[in-house]
Amino acid sequence: RELMGIVNGTTNFILTKMTREGADFGDVLAQAQALGYAEADPTADVDGFDAAYKLAILASLAFDSTIDAQEDILREGIRGVSARDIEYATELGYVIKLVALARRDADEKLELRVHPMLLPKEHPLAGVSDSFNAVFVRGDALGDAMFYGRGAGDGPTGSAVVGDIIEAAKNRCRKVINVESIPTQQAVVQPFDEHTTRFCVRMQVGDRPGTIAQIAGVFGEEGVSIESIVQRHGDGESAEIFWLTHVTNQRAMSASLAKFENLAVVREISSVLRVEGE
């Protein structure tokens, strides 16, 4: 019914270092490049393309459906994740990971997305650190299972590539086609604005009476229920607020964010992240 995976070792290394050291994204990216975990052009990794392609393969096998990585998968990278986001997540008992998620909804549509995600610290994927990868699977009869291993670096990458070449060569010599890997149906994909999850929104606001009420009013108008609020005071003129919502859909959140652009008390939407795994 569902799979969630940390499938890119580069981004997991970066987010792990940011969490442990309180470091900024740019500094840790440079370390990853020096260690050979990140390419000179890190776009495929840090912008989520690599994870989206891997999710397309995993989901096509899990759900026996043809999936287009560019058209069917909601994709966001980790460039926008800051040390501040990690600080708030830690305070609330979460870890931020770049997660690939695929699940079938009640109407048998596939929800497919790759993006930074807050996971509870007790979730099995939350403990997957550094350059390691893992795929967490939930099945009707199987229950929960997780597959774990190193996902970046010369050795692991080279081993995986050579292993695939050897398997392809054997199949060619034996004139064997692995029909189990060929999907038999076209995926019916859930529209992005119907995706349901919890959100956390970090924003900079004017520090004056009534600010929280105005923002909460916008969320309420769009049917977004608030679970908790963390506020940090700034210089007396502005404050930072971290909102954690109950489960809602992408349409309602997008509508709320659009209204905040015209709300005078909101000076900046610093980040919008999603929460899963509970």
Protein backbone atom coordinates (compact mmCIF):
# COMPACT_ATOMS: atom_id res chain seq x y z
CA ARG A 1 0.00 0.00 0.00
CA GLU A 2 2.86 2.42 0.64
CA LEU A 3 6.59 2.86 0.30
CA MET A 4 8.82 5.62 1.64
CA GLY A 5 12.48 5.84 0.90
CA ILE A 6 15.65 7.78 1.52
CA VAL A 7 17.10 7.00 -1.90
CA ASN A 8 19.79 9.63 -2.43
CA GLY A 9 22.94 9.31 -0.34
CA THR A 10 24.24 12.78 -1.19
CA THR A 11 21.25 14.67 0.18
CA ASN A 12 21.08 12.39 3.22
CA PHE A 13 24.74 13.12 3.96
CA ILE A 14 24.09 16.85 3.65
CA LEU A 15 20.99 16.87 5.88
CA THR A 16 22.72 14.66 8.47
CA LYS A 17 25.67 17.04 8.69
CA MET A 18 23.38 20.07 8.88
CA THR A 19 21.47 18.42 11.74
CA ARG A 20 24.51 17.35 13.72
CA GLU A 21 26.58 20.49 13.27
CA GLY A 22 23.98 23.23 12.79
CA ALA A 23 25.77 24.01 9.53
CA ASP A 24 24.37 25.80 6.50
CA PHE A 25 23.48 24.02 3.27
CA GLY A 26 26.22 25.62 1.14
CA ASP A 27 29.04 24.71 3.52
CA VAL A 28 27.96 21.07 3.80
CA LEU A 29 27.46 20.78 0.05
CA ALA A 30 31.08 21.83 -0.45
CA GLN A 31 32.17 19.10 2.00
CA ALA A 32 30.10 16.52 0.12
CA GLN A 33 31.73 17.53 -3.16
CA ALA A 34 35.21 17.30 -1.63
CA LEU A 35 34.46 13.78 -0.37
CA GLY A 36 33.11 12.65 -3.74
CA TYR A 37 29.52 12.27 -2.52
CA ALA A 38 28.26 15.17 -4.65
CA GLU A 39 28.98 16.02 -8.28
CA ALA A 40 30.55 19.31 -9.35
CA ASP A 41 27.05 20.14 -10.62
CA PRO A 42 24.87 18.81 -7.77
CA THR A 43 21.53 19.64 -9.41
CA ALA A 44 20.39 16.06 -9.95
CA ASP A 45 20.90 15.26 -6.28
CA VAL A 46 19.99 18.38 -4.32
CA ASP A 47 17.00 19.33 -6.49
CA GLY A 48 15.47 15.86 -6.16
CA PHE A 49 15.75 14.65 -9.77
CA ASP A 50 17.76 11.54 -8.88
CA ALA A 51 15.32 10.59 -6.11
CA ALA A 52 12.34 11.13 -8.44
CA TYR A 53 13.79 8.80 -11.08
CA LYS A 54 14.43 6.16 -8.42
CA LEU A 55 10.90 6.57 -7.07
CA ALA A 56 9.50 6.05 -10.57
CA ILE A 57 11.33 2.71 -10.76
CA LEU A 58 10.40 1.60 -7.23
CA ALA A 59 6.75 2.59 -7.59
CA SER A 60 6.43 0.95 -11.01
CA LEU A 61 7.64 -2.32 -9.47
CA ALA A 62 5.56 -1.99 -6.30
CA PHE A 63 2.32 -0.99 -8.03
CA ASP A 64 2.80 -2.64 -11.44
CA SER A 65 2.25 0.70 -13.19
CA THR A 66 4.05 2.80 -15.79
CA ILE A 67 5.17 6.06 -14.16
CA ASP A 68 6.65 9.20 -15.72
CA ALA A 69 9.18 10.68 -13.31
CA GLN A 70 8.80 14.19 -14.73
CA GLU A 71 5.03 14.33 -15.10
CA ASP A 72 3.66 12.11 -12.33
CA ILE A 73 5.90 12.92 -9.35
CA LEU A 74 5.75 16.09 -7.25
CA ARG A 75 9.41 17.05 -6.78
CA GLU A 76 11.13 19.51 -4.46
CA GLY A 77 14.80 19.57 -3.45
CA ILE A 78 16.68 20.50 -0.29
CA ARG A 79 18.17 23.88 -1.28
CA GLY A 80 15.48 25.66 0.72
CA VAL A 81 16.09 23.72 3.94
CA SER A 82 17.92 25.91 6.45
CA ALA A 83 19.61 25.35 9.79
CA ARG A 84 16.66 27.24 11.26
CA ASP A 85 14.17 24.70 9.91
CA ILE A 86 16.23 21.89 11.38
CA GLU A 87 16.36 23.67 14.73
CA TYR A 88 12.55 23.93 14.90
CA ALA A 89 12.11 20.33 13.72
CA THR A 90 14.47 19.07 16.42
CA GLU A 91 12.65 21.06 19.08
CA LEU A 92 9.35 19.46 18.06
CA GLY A 93 10.78 15.92 17.94
CA TYR A 94 11.35 15.53 14.19
CA VAL A 95 14.20 14.89 11.75
CA ILE A 96 14.27 16.41 8.24
CA LYS A 97 15.00 13.98 5.41
CA LEU A 98 14.60 14.04 1.63
CA VAL A 99 12.00 11.29 1.23
CA ALA A 100 10.50 9.61 -1.82
CA LEU A 101 6.90 8.55 -1.12
CA ALA A 102 4.45 6.43 -3.11
CA ARG A 103 1.08 5.23 -1.84
CA ARG A 104 -2.30 4.21 -3.16
CA ASP A 105 -5.28 6.20 -1.92
CA ALA A 106 -8.83 4.99 -1.24
CA ASP A 107 -9.72 5.52 -4.92
CA GLU A 108 -6.73 3.41 -6.05
CA LYS A 109 -4.88 6.49 -7.34
CA LEU A 110 -1.14 6.76 -6.77
CA GLU A 111 0.21 9.65 -4.71
CA LEU A 112 3.82 10.20 -5.78
CA ARG A 113 6.16 12.82 -4.33
CA VAL A 114 9.76 13.60 -3.47
CA HIS A 115 10.55 16.43 -1.08
CA PRO A 116 12.11 17.34 2.28
CA MET A 117 9.98 15.82 5.01
CA LEU A 118 9.74 16.00 8.79
CA LEU A 119 9.75 12.48 10.23
CA PRO A 120 9.21 11.64 13.92
CA LYS A 121 12.48 10.68 15.57
CA GLU A 122 11.09 7.22 16.32
CA HIS A 123 10.30 6.46 12.66
CA PRO A 124 12.66 3.80 11.17
CA LEU A 125 13.80 6.16 8.39
CA ALA A 126 14.70 8.91 10.87
CA GLY A 127 17.74 6.93 11.99
CA VAL A 128 19.11 6.49 8.46
CA SER A 129 22.10 8.84 8.47
CA ASP A 130 25.09 10.00 6.44
CA SER A 131 25.30 8.45 2.97
CA PHE A 132 23.08 5.46 3.79
CA ASN A 133 19.81 4.77 1.95
CA ALA A 134 16.73 2.85 3.02
CA VAL A 135 13.33 1.90 1.64
CA PHE A 136 10.45 1.39 4.07
CA VAL A 137 7.57 -0.70 2.70
CA ARG A 138 4.07 -1.23 4.12
CA GLY A 139 2.08 -4.09 2.60
CA ASP A 140 -1.36 -5.58 3.22
CA ALA A 141 -0.03 -8.99 4.27
CA LEU A 142 3.67 -8.19 4.78
CA GLY A 143 3.17 -5.40 7.26
CA ASP A 144 6.24 -3.17 7.65
CA ALA A 145 9.69 -3.97 6.25
CA MET A 146 12.82 -1.90 5.60
CA PHE A 147 15.79 -2.41 3.27
CA TYR A 148 18.98 -0.56 4.19
CA GLY A 149 22.46 0.07 2.77
CA ARG A 150 25.04 2.66 1.74
CA GLY A 151 23.89 4.86 -1.12
CA ALA A 152 26.78 7.13 -2.14
CA GLY A 153 30.50 6.93 -2.75
CA ASP A 154 32.72 5.25 -5.33
CA GLY A 155 32.40 1.70 -3.97
CA PRO A 156 28.62 1.44 -3.49
CA THR A 157 27.87 3.25 -6.76
CA GLY A 158 30.35 1.21 -8.76
CA SER A 159 29.11 -2.05 -7.24
CA ALA A 160 25.51 -1.28 -8.15
CA VAL A 161 26.36 -0.27 -11.72
CA VAL A 162 28.57 -3.31 -12.37
CA GLY A 163 25.95 -5.60 -10.81
CA ASP A 164 23.30 -4.28 -13.22
CA ILE A 165 25.64 -4.70 -16.21
CA ILE A 166 26.40 -8.30 -15.24
CA GLU A 167 22.71 -9.12 -14.80
CA ALA A 168 21.86 -7.53 -18.17
CA ALA A 169 24.66 -9.47 -19.88
CA LYS A 170 23.49 -12.77 -18.35
CA ASN A 171 19.92 -12.14 -19.43
CA ARG A 172 21.07 -11.29 -22.95
CA CYS A 173 23.16 -14.46 -23.22
CA ARG A 174 20.30 -16.59 -21.91
CA LYS A 175 17.77 -14.75 -24.07
CA VAL A 176 15.77 -14.04 -20.93
CA ILE A 177 13.44 -11.09 -20.43
CA ASN A 178 12.53 -10.24 -16.86
CA VAL A 179 8.82 -9.76 -17.47
CA GLU A 180 8.18 -9.03 -13.79
CA SER A 181 9.94 -5.69 -14.19
CA ILE A 182 7.69 -4.61 -17.08
CA PRO A 183 4.53 -2.83 -15.81
CA THR A 184 1.24 -4.11 -17.20
CA GLN A 185 -0.84 -0.96 -16.65
CA GLN A 186 -0.65 2.81 -16.86
CA ALA A 187 -0.60 4.53 -13.49
CA VAL A 188 -3.67 6.46 -12.40
CA VAL A 189 -1.99 9.33 -10.58
CA GLN A 190 -3.52 11.53 -7.93
CA PRO A 191 -3.39 15.24 -8.92
CA PHE A 192 -0.81 17.16 -6.93
CA ASP A 193 -3.36 19.51 -5.34
CA GLU A 194 -5.17 16.49 -3.84
CA HIS A 195 -2.09 15.27 -1.97
CA THR A 196 -2.86 15.13 1.76
CA THR A 197 -0.30 15.61 4.51
CA ARG A 198 0.58 17.78 7.48
CA PHE A 199 2.52 20.97 6.80
CA CYS A 200 4.90 23.17 8.72
CA VAL A 201 5.23 26.79 7.62
CA ARG A 202 7.95 29.14 8.86
CA MET A 203 7.30 32.84 8.32
CA GLN A 204 8.56 36.30 9.27
CA VAL A 205 5.80 38.59 10.54
CA GLY A 206 5.23 41.99 12.06
CA ASP A 207 5.47 41.75 15.84
CA ARG A 208 2.27 43.47 16.90
CA PRO A 209 -1.07 42.57 18.50
CA GLY A 210 -3.46 40.59 16.32
CA THR A 211 -0.84 39.12 13.99
CA ILE A 212 -1.39 35.50 14.97
CA ALA A 213 -5.16 35.94 14.82
CA GLN A 214 -4.99 37.32 11.26
CA ILE A 215 -2.81 34.48 10.03
CA ALA A 216 -4.89 31.83 11.81
CA GLY A 217 -7.95 33.41 10.22
CA VAL A 218 -6.54 32.83 6.73
CA PHE A 219 -5.77 29.21 7.54
CA GLY A 220 -9.29 28.83 8.91
CA GLU A 221 -10.88 30.28 5.78
CA GLU A 222 -9.17 27.58 3.71
CA GLY A 223 -10.02 24.79 6.14
CA VAL A 224 -6.47 24.33 7.43
CA SER A 225 -6.48 23.29 11.10
CA ILE A 226 -3.51 24.30 13.28
CA GLU A 227 -1.90 21.78 15.62
CA SER A 228 0.80 23.92 17.22
CA ILE A 229 2.64 27.24 16.96
CA VAL A 230 6.19 28.16 17.96
CA GLN A 231 7.06 31.87 18.03
CA ARG A 232 10.46 33.49 18.29
CA HIS A 233 10.72 37.23 18.89
CA GLY A 234 13.11 39.23 16.78
CA ASP A 235 14.16 42.84 17.08
CA GLY A 236 10.88 44.20 18.43
CA GLU A 237 9.65 45.01 14.93
CA SER A 238 9.38 41.47 13.60
CA ALA A 239 8.98 37.90 14.83
CA GLU A 240 9.38 34.41 13.43
CA ILE A 241 6.51 31.92 13.64
CA PHE A 242 6.59 28.19 12.91
CA TRP A 243 3.13 26.73 12.22
CA LEU A 244 2.42 22.99 12.33
CA THR A 245 -0.90 21.93 10.80
CA HIS A 246 -3.15 18.91 11.01
CA VAL A 247 -3.64 16.84 7.84
CA THR A 248 -4.87 18.95 4.93
CA ASN A 249 -4.51 18.92 1.15
CA GLN A 250 -2.11 20.77 -1.10
CA ARG A 251 -4.93 22.84 -2.60
CA ALA A 252 -5.87 24.35 0.77
CA MET A 253 -2.26 25.07 1.69
CA SER A 254 -1.51 26.69 -1.68
CA ALA A 255 -4.59 28.90 -1.33
CA SER A 256 -3.49 29.96 2.16
CA LEU A 257 0.02 30.82 0.97
CA ALA A 258 -1.42 32.87 -1.89
CA LYS A 259 -3.51 34.91 0.57
CA PHE A 260 -0.49 35.52 2.80
CA GLU A 261 1.16 37.39 -0.09
CA ASN A 262 -1.50 40.09 0.33
CA LEU A 263 -1.56 40.06 4.14
CA ALA A 264 0.36 43.06 5.47
CA VAL A 265 1.51 41.39 8.69
CA VAL A 266 3.29 38.59 6.78
CA ARG A 267 6.66 39.81 5.62
CA GLU A 268 8.11 36.56 4.28
CA ILE A 269 7.27 32.88 3.91
CA SER A 270 10.66 31.41 4.75
CA SER A 271 9.87 27.73 4.21
CA VAL A 272 7.05 25.24 3.68
CA LEU A 273 7.77 21.63 4.61
CA ARG A 274 5.64 18.50 4.99
CA VAL A 275 5.26 16.03 7.85
CA GLU A 276 4.79 12.27 7.44
CA GLY A 277 5.39 9.01 9.26
CA GLU A 278 2.89 9.22 12.10
